[in-house]
Amino acid sequence: MFMDDHTPRVVKIESDGSLESVESFATIGSGSHIADGVLFQREHDGNDTLGSALYHVYEAMKLGSIAPGVGTEFTIDVVYPPDKDHKEVWGKTLSDKGKKFMEAQFRKRGPKPFKNFVALPTGILERSFS
């Protein structure tokens, strides 16, 4: 939502119906713990460029989709306040071209799977309890 002066306000609706005003972002659903972690890891905040913000949200949604009950298909919408050309709040949706671009960025920047971790050096663990 936007305030009268067109500054954005993020309000999270809790499962009990209560409202919470939050800074920078809010996540919901069974994948929210994962998505929160991603957004905190990326230090997501209101000063990010649109490109960075879109990627952060894409990555959070992509990784959050591994949680039980979360689907793998999602949309990303950018909402703008009213302006001289729009009397009401208006927005744009990430296009198919945009999704392909974000997926390519995810393959480049996102977490990478691995099967074999390096051999642990001797002495990195010590006995501290019985």
Protein backbone atom coordinates (compact mmCIF):
# COMPACT_ATOMS: atom_id res chain seq x y z
CA MET A 1 0.00 0.00 0.00
CA PHE A 2 1.03 3.62 -0.36
CA MET A 3 0.68 6.48 2.09
CA ASP A 4 -0.86 9.81 1.04
CA ASP A 5 2.60 11.10 0.08
CA HIS A 6 3.12 7.97 -2.11
CA THR A 7 5.73 6.39 0.16
CA PRO A 8 5.32 2.62 0.24
CA ARG A 9 4.17 0.80 3.39
CA VAL A 10 4.53 -2.95 3.85
CA VAL A 11 1.83 -4.50 6.02
CA LYS A 12 1.85 -8.22 6.83
CA ILE A 13 -1.42 -9.98 7.59
CA GLU A 14 -0.80 -12.65 10.23
CA SER A 15 -2.63 -16.00 10.25
CA ASP A 16 -4.86 -14.75 13.09
CA GLY A 17 -5.93 -11.73 10.98
CA SER A 18 -3.84 -9.19 12.85
CA LEU A 19 -1.79 -6.63 10.94
CA GLU A 20 1.88 -5.88 11.42
CA SER A 21 3.71 -2.95 9.82
CA VAL A 22 7.14 -4.19 8.71
CA GLU A 23 10.31 -2.71 7.25
CA SER A 24 11.42 -3.57 3.70
CA PHE A 25 9.64 -6.91 3.18
CA ALA A 26 7.20 -9.51 4.44
CA THR A 27 6.82 -13.16 3.49
CA ILE A 28 3.91 -15.53 4.04
CA GLY A 29 3.10 -19.20 3.83
CA SER A 30 4.95 -22.41 4.56
CA GLY A 31 8.01 -21.26 2.59
CA SER A 32 8.30 -17.97 4.48
CA HIS A 33 11.09 -19.11 6.80
CA ILE A 34 13.23 -19.99 3.80
CA ALA A 35 12.29 -16.82 1.92
CA ASP A 36 13.04 -14.67 4.99
CA GLY A 37 16.48 -16.27 5.26
CA VAL A 38 17.22 -15.55 1.62
CA LEU A 39 16.14 -11.92 1.88
CA PHE A 40 18.17 -11.39 5.06
CA GLN A 41 21.19 -13.10 3.46
CA ARG A 42 20.92 -10.71 0.50
CA GLU A 43 20.50 -7.77 2.93
CA HIS A 44 17.33 -6.81 1.06
CA ASP A 45 16.00 -3.36 1.93
CA GLY A 46 14.10 -0.42 0.52
CA ASN A 47 17.23 1.15 -0.97
CA ASP A 48 17.87 -1.69 -3.43
CA THR A 49 17.64 -1.02 -7.14
CA LEU A 50 14.60 -2.47 -8.90
CA GLY A 51 16.83 -5.09 -10.55
CA SER A 52 18.36 -6.20 -7.26
CA ALA A 53 14.98 -6.25 -5.53
CA LEU A 54 13.44 -8.34 -8.31
CA TYR A 55 16.29 -10.83 -8.15
CA HIS A 56 16.15 -11.05 -4.34
CA VAL A 57 12.42 -11.77 -4.48
CA TYR A 58 12.86 -14.28 -7.33
CA GLU A 59 15.57 -16.13 -5.41
CA ALA A 60 13.52 -16.11 -2.20
CA MET A 61 10.46 -17.47 -4.01
CA LYS A 62 12.49 -20.09 -5.91
CA LEU A 63 14.18 -21.38 -2.76
CA GLY A 64 11.02 -21.04 -0.66
CA SER A 65 9.24 -23.29 -3.15
CA ILE A 66 11.08 -26.32 -1.74
CA ALA A 67 8.97 -26.11 1.44
CA PRO A 68 6.04 -28.54 1.73
CA GLY A 69 2.83 -27.16 0.29
CA VAL A 70 4.47 -24.48 -1.85
CA GLY A 71 4.05 -24.61 -5.61
CA THR A 72 6.84 -24.08 -8.11
CA GLU A 73 4.94 -21.56 -10.23
CA PHE A 74 4.70 -17.97 -9.05
CA THR A 75 4.38 -14.42 -10.30
CA ILE A 76 6.23 -11.28 -9.33
CA ASP A 77 4.35 -8.01 -9.53
CA VAL A 78 5.72 -4.50 -9.11
CA VAL A 79 3.17 -2.06 -7.71
CA TYR A 80 3.38 1.71 -8.26
CA PRO A 81 1.49 4.57 -6.58
CA PRO A 82 -0.99 6.69 -8.53
CA ASP A 83 0.66 9.20 -10.85
CA LYS A 84 -0.26 11.64 -13.62
CA ASP A 85 -1.12 8.75 -15.99
CA HIS A 86 -2.83 6.45 -13.44
CA LYS A 87 -5.55 7.55 -11.01
CA GLU A 88 -5.22 4.35 -8.96
CA VAL A 89 -2.41 2.09 -7.81
CA TRP A 90 -1.08 0.25 -10.85
CA GLY A 91 1.52 -2.37 -11.60
CA LYS A 92 3.53 -4.54 -13.92
CA THR A 93 4.12 -8.31 -13.92
CA LEU A 94 7.42 -10.05 -14.57
CA SER A 95 7.13 -11.27 -18.17
CA ASP A 96 8.19 -14.65 -19.57
CA LYS A 97 11.34 -12.94 -20.84
CA GLY A 98 11.92 -11.55 -17.33
CA LYS A 99 11.42 -15.00 -15.77
CA LYS A 100 13.98 -16.52 -18.16
CA PHE A 101 16.42 -13.73 -17.31
CA MET A 102 15.91 -14.24 -13.56
CA GLU A 103 16.33 -18.01 -13.94
CA ALA A 104 19.64 -17.45 -15.76
CA GLN A 105 20.74 -15.11 -12.95
CA PHE A 106 19.68 -17.72 -10.37
CA ARG A 107 21.82 -20.37 -12.09
CA LYS A 108 24.73 -17.91 -12.01
CA ARG A 109 24.24 -16.34 -8.54
CA GLY A 110 22.12 -18.74 -6.52
CA PRO A 111 23.26 -21.55 -4.23
CA LYS A 112 25.09 -24.38 -5.96
CA PRO A 113 24.50 -28.07 -5.23
CA PHE A 114 27.47 -30.32 -4.48
CA LYS A 115 27.81 -34.03 -3.79
CA ASN A 116 31.22 -34.45 -2.21
CA PHE A 117 32.52 -32.02 0.36
CA VAL A 118 36.26 -31.59 0.83
CA ALA A 119 38.02 -33.93 3.26
CA LEU A 120 38.03 -32.46 6.75
CA PRO A 121 41.47 -31.45 8.02
CA THR A 122 42.83 -33.20 11.09
CA GLY A 123 42.19 -31.39 14.36
CA ILE A 124 39.08 -29.38 13.48
CA LEU A 125 37.05 -31.26 16.10
CA GLU A 126 38.05 -31.74 19.71
CA ARG A 127 36.48 -33.55 22.62
CA SER A 128 34.53 -31.13 24.82
CA PHE A 129 32.01 -33.36 26.61
CA SER A 130 31.58 -36.97 27.70
